[in-house]
Amino acid sequence: MATITFDVPESPLSALRLSPNEFAREIRVAAALLWYSHGEISQSIAAGIAGTSRAVFIDQFSRRRIPVVQTTADELDDEIRRE
């Protein structure tokens, strides 16, 4: 596994009331959620980035009030018509 290091000002840590380790974990989850929601990576890869199982990763959507389904109503209509 690769290790990435970057500097973060103290103010976000204080504002969020997170330790550096908690902040790093939140950054991993946030990045995974963003990239997955944009369709750039799969759930499995996103869960790996977040350092969780797929089930725990999916729970993060609910916790953050982000829709987990990425299919639009039009896409669902098209799929139903093909069946």
N, C-alpha and C. Protein backbone atom coordinates (compact mmCIF):
# COMPACT_ATOMS: atom_id res chain seq x y z
N MET A 1 0.85 -1.18 0.00
CA MET A 1 0.00 0.00 0.00
C MET A 1 0.89 1.24 0.00
N ALA A 2 0.50 2.22 -0.78
CA ALA A 2 1.26 3.48 -0.85
C ALA A 2 0.93 4.35 0.36
N THR A 3 1.89 5.13 0.77
CA THR A 3 1.69 6.10 1.84
C THR A 3 1.81 7.49 1.26
N ILE A 4 0.83 8.33 1.57
CA ILE A 4 0.81 9.70 1.10
C ILE A 4 0.80 10.61 2.32
N THR A 5 1.65 11.60 2.31
CA THR A 5 1.75 12.53 3.42
C THR A 5 1.53 13.95 2.92
N PHE A 6 0.72 14.72 3.63
CA PHE A 6 0.53 16.13 3.29
C PHE A 6 0.26 16.92 4.56
N ASP A 7 0.54 18.20 4.49
CA ASP A 7 0.33 19.09 5.63
C ASP A 7 -1.09 19.64 5.63
N VAL A 8 -1.65 19.72 6.82
CA VAL A 8 -3.00 20.27 7.00
C VAL A 8 -2.92 21.31 8.11
N PRO A 9 -3.49 22.49 7.90
CA PRO A 9 -3.51 23.48 8.97
C PRO A 9 -4.27 22.94 10.19
N GLU A 10 -3.97 23.44 11.35
CA GLU A 10 -4.64 23.00 12.57
C GLU A 10 -6.12 23.38 12.60
N SER A 11 -6.49 24.46 11.92
CA SER A 11 -7.87 24.97 12.03
C SER A 11 -8.94 23.95 11.62
N PRO A 12 -8.76 23.18 10.52
CA PRO A 12 -9.80 22.19 10.21
C PRO A 12 -9.90 21.11 11.28
N LEU A 13 -8.77 20.71 11.84
CA LEU A 13 -8.80 19.69 12.89
C LEU A 13 -9.57 20.21 14.10
N SER A 14 -9.31 21.45 14.47
CA SER A 14 -10.01 22.05 15.61
C SER A 14 -11.49 22.23 15.30
N ALA A 15 -11.79 22.75 14.11
CA ALA A 15 -13.18 23.01 13.74
C ALA A 15 -13.99 21.72 13.72
N LEU A 16 -13.39 20.66 13.23
CA LEU A 16 -14.09 19.37 13.13
C LEU A 16 -13.97 18.54 14.41
N ARG A 17 -13.11 19.01 15.32
CA ARG A 17 -12.85 18.28 16.58
C ARG A 17 -12.39 16.85 16.32
N LEU A 18 -11.40 16.75 15.42
CA LEU A 18 -10.85 15.45 15.06
C LEU A 18 -9.36 15.40 15.36
N SER A 19 -8.92 14.23 15.74
CA SER A 19 -7.48 14.01 15.88
C SER A 19 -6.90 13.87 14.48
N PRO A 20 -5.59 13.97 14.33
CA PRO A 20 -5.00 13.77 13.00
C PRO A 20 -5.37 12.42 12.38
N ASN A 21 -5.40 11.36 13.18
CA ASN A 21 -5.77 10.04 12.64
C ASN A 21 -7.23 10.00 12.20
N GLU A 22 -8.12 10.60 12.99
CA GLU A 22 -9.53 10.65 12.63
C GLU A 22 -9.73 11.48 11.36
N PHE A 23 -9.00 12.59 11.25
CA PHE A 23 -9.08 13.44 10.07
C PHE A 23 -8.62 12.67 8.83
N ALA A 24 -7.53 11.94 8.94
CA ALA A 24 -7.02 11.15 7.81
C ALA A 24 -8.06 10.11 7.38
N ARG A 25 -8.70 9.47 8.35
CA ARG A 25 -9.73 8.48 8.04
C ARG A 25 -10.91 9.16 7.32
N GLU A 26 -11.33 10.33 7.80
CA GLU A 26 -12.42 11.07 7.16
C GLU A 26 -12.06 11.49 5.74
N ILE A 27 -10.83 11.90 5.52
CA ILE A 27 -10.37 12.29 4.18
C ILE A 27 -10.46 11.09 3.23
N ARG A 28 -10.03 9.92 3.70
CA ARG A 28 -10.09 8.71 2.88
C ARG A 28 -11.52 8.39 2.48
N VAL A 29 -12.43 8.45 3.46
CA VAL A 29 -13.84 8.14 3.19
C VAL A 29 -14.43 9.18 2.24
N ALA A 30 -14.16 10.46 2.49
CA ALA A 30 -14.71 11.53 1.65
C ALA A 30 -14.23 11.40 0.21
N ALA A 31 -12.95 11.11 0.02
CA ALA A 31 -12.41 10.94 -1.33
C ALA A 31 -13.06 9.75 -2.02
N ALA A 32 -13.19 8.65 -1.30
CA ALA A 32 -13.80 7.45 -1.88
C ALA A 32 -15.26 7.71 -2.26
N LEU A 33 -16.00 8.39 -1.39
CA LEU A 33 -17.40 8.73 -1.69
C LEU A 33 -17.49 9.61 -2.93
N LEU A 34 -16.63 10.60 -3.01
CA LEU A 34 -16.65 11.52 -4.16
C LEU A 34 -16.34 10.78 -5.45
N TRP A 35 -15.26 10.04 -5.47
CA TRP A 35 -14.85 9.35 -6.70
C TRP A 35 -15.87 8.30 -7.11
N TYR A 36 -16.45 7.59 -6.12
CA TYR A 36 -17.48 6.61 -6.45
C TYR A 36 -18.73 7.31 -6.99
N SER A 37 -19.17 8.38 -6.33
CA SER A 37 -20.40 9.06 -6.75
C SER A 37 -20.25 9.69 -8.13
N HIS A 38 -19.03 9.99 -8.55
CA HIS A 38 -18.78 10.52 -9.89
C HIS A 38 -18.57 9.41 -10.92
N GLY A 39 -18.65 8.14 -10.47
CA GLY A 39 -18.52 7.02 -11.38
C GLY A 39 -17.09 6.73 -11.80
N GLU A 40 -16.13 7.25 -11.06
CA GLU A 40 -14.72 7.07 -11.42
C GLU A 40 -14.15 5.75 -10.92
N ILE A 41 -14.72 5.21 -9.84
CA ILE A 41 -14.24 3.95 -9.27
C ILE A 41 -15.44 3.10 -8.85
N SER A 42 -15.21 1.81 -8.66
CA SER A 42 -16.26 0.88 -8.23
C SER A 42 -16.43 0.95 -6.71
N GLN A 43 -17.51 0.33 -6.22
CA GLN A 43 -17.72 0.25 -4.77
C GLN A 43 -16.58 -0.49 -4.08
N SER A 44 -16.10 -1.55 -4.70
CA SER A 44 -15.01 -2.33 -4.09
C SER A 44 -13.74 -1.50 -3.95
N ILE A 45 -13.39 -0.78 -5.00
CA ILE A 45 -12.19 0.07 -4.94
C ILE A 45 -12.41 1.19 -3.93
N ALA A 46 -13.59 1.80 -3.94
CA ALA A 46 -13.89 2.87 -3.00
C ALA A 46 -13.80 2.38 -1.55
N ALA A 47 -14.34 1.20 -1.29
CA ALA A 47 -14.26 0.63 0.05
C ALA A 47 -12.80 0.41 0.46
N GLY A 48 -11.98 -0.02 -0.48
CA GLY A 48 -10.55 -0.20 -0.19
C GLY A 48 -9.88 1.12 0.14
N ILE A 49 -10.19 2.17 -0.62
CA ILE A 49 -9.64 3.49 -0.33
C ILE A 49 -10.08 3.96 1.05
N ALA A 50 -11.37 3.74 1.35
CA ALA A 50 -11.91 4.15 2.64
C ALA A 50 -11.40 3.29 3.79
N GLY A 51 -10.82 2.14 3.46
CA GLY A 51 -10.32 1.24 4.50
C GLY A 51 -11.42 0.49 5.21
N THR A 52 -12.51 0.20 4.49
CA THR A 52 -13.66 -0.49 5.08
C THR A 52 -14.13 -1.62 4.18
N SER A 53 -15.11 -2.35 4.65
CA SER A 53 -15.78 -3.34 3.81
C SER A 53 -16.77 -2.59 2.92
N ARG A 54 -17.30 -3.26 1.90
CA ARG A 54 -18.30 -2.63 1.03
C ARG A 54 -19.54 -2.24 1.83
N ALA A 55 -19.96 -3.11 2.75
CA ALA A 55 -21.16 -2.82 3.55
C ALA A 55 -20.97 -1.56 4.38
N VAL A 56 -19.83 -1.43 5.03
CA VAL A 56 -19.55 -0.24 5.84
C VAL A 56 -19.44 0.98 4.94
N PHE A 57 -18.84 0.82 3.76
CA PHE A 57 -18.73 1.94 2.82
C PHE A 57 -20.12 2.43 2.41
N ILE A 58 -21.00 1.51 2.07
CA ILE A 58 -22.36 1.87 1.67
C ILE A 58 -23.09 2.58 2.82
N ASP A 59 -22.85 2.15 4.05
CA ASP A 59 -23.45 2.81 5.21
C ASP A 59 -23.01 4.27 5.32
N GLN A 60 -21.82 4.58 4.82
CA GLN A 60 -21.33 5.96 4.87
C GLN A 60 -22.22 6.90 4.05
N PHE A 61 -22.82 6.40 2.98
CA PHE A 61 -23.74 7.22 2.19
C PHE A 61 -24.93 7.65 3.05
N SER A 62 -25.51 6.69 3.75
CA SER A 62 -26.65 6.99 4.60
C SER A 62 -26.25 7.94 5.72
N ARG A 63 -25.13 7.68 6.33
CA ARG A 63 -24.65 8.52 7.43
C ARG A 63 -24.47 9.97 6.99
N ARG A 64 -24.05 10.16 5.75
CA ARG A 64 -23.79 11.50 5.23
C ARG A 64 -24.94 12.03 4.36
N ARG A 65 -26.03 11.27 4.31
CA ARG A 65 -27.23 11.66 3.54
C ARG A 65 -26.94 11.89 2.06
N ILE A 66 -26.18 10.94 1.50
CA ILE A 66 -25.85 10.96 0.07
C ILE A 66 -26.58 9.78 -0.57
N PRO A 67 -27.32 9.98 -1.67
CA PRO A 67 -28.00 8.84 -2.32
C PRO A 67 -26.99 7.82 -2.82
N VAL A 68 -27.22 6.56 -2.51
CA VAL A 68 -26.29 5.50 -2.93
C VAL A 68 -26.58 5.06 -4.36
N VAL A 69 -27.82 5.21 -4.82
CA VAL A 69 -28.19 4.80 -6.17
C VAL A 69 -27.78 5.90 -7.15
N GLN A 70 -27.06 5.52 -8.17
CA GLN A 70 -26.58 6.49 -9.14
C GLN A 70 -27.36 6.45 -10.44
N THR A 71 -28.36 5.62 -10.51
CA THR A 71 -29.15 5.47 -11.72
C THR A 71 -30.24 6.54 -11.76
N THR A 72 -30.38 7.18 -12.92
CA THR A 72 -31.42 8.19 -13.07
C THR A 72 -32.75 7.52 -13.40
N ALA A 73 -33.83 8.27 -13.27
CA ALA A 73 -35.16 7.74 -13.61
C ALA A 73 -35.22 7.33 -15.08
N ASP A 74 -34.61 8.12 -15.96
CA ASP A 74 -34.60 7.79 -17.40
C ASP A 74 -33.85 6.49 -17.65
N GLU A 75 -32.73 6.29 -16.95
CA GLU A 75 -31.97 5.04 -17.11
C GLU A 75 -32.79 3.85 -16.64
N LEU A 76 -33.52 4.02 -15.55
CA LEU A 76 -34.38 2.94 -15.07
C LEU A 76 -35.50 2.62 -16.07
N ASP A 77 -36.11 3.67 -16.65
CA ASP A 77 -37.14 3.45 -17.67
C ASP A 77 -36.58 2.68 -18.86
N ASP A 78 -35.40 3.07 -19.32
CA ASP A 78 -34.76 2.38 -20.44
C ASP A 78 -34.50 0.92 -20.11
N GLU A 79 -34.04 0.66 -18.90
CA GLU A 79 -33.75 -0.71 -18.50
C GLU A 79 -35.02 -1.55 -18.43
N ILE A 80 -36.10 -0.97 -17.91
CA ILE A 80 -37.37 -1.68 -17.80
C ILE A 80 -37.90 -2.01 -19.20
N ARG A 81 -37.78 -1.08 -20.12
CA ARG A 81 -38.25 -1.31 -21.49
C ARG A 81 -37.48 -2.42 -22.19
N ARG A 82 -36.21 -2.58 -21.87
CA ARG A 82 -35.38 -3.63 -22.50
C ARG A 82 -35.73 -5.01 -21.99
N GLU A 83 -36.31 -5.11 -20.84
CA GLU A 83 -36.61 -6.41 -20.23
C GLU A 83 -37.70 -7.12 -20.92
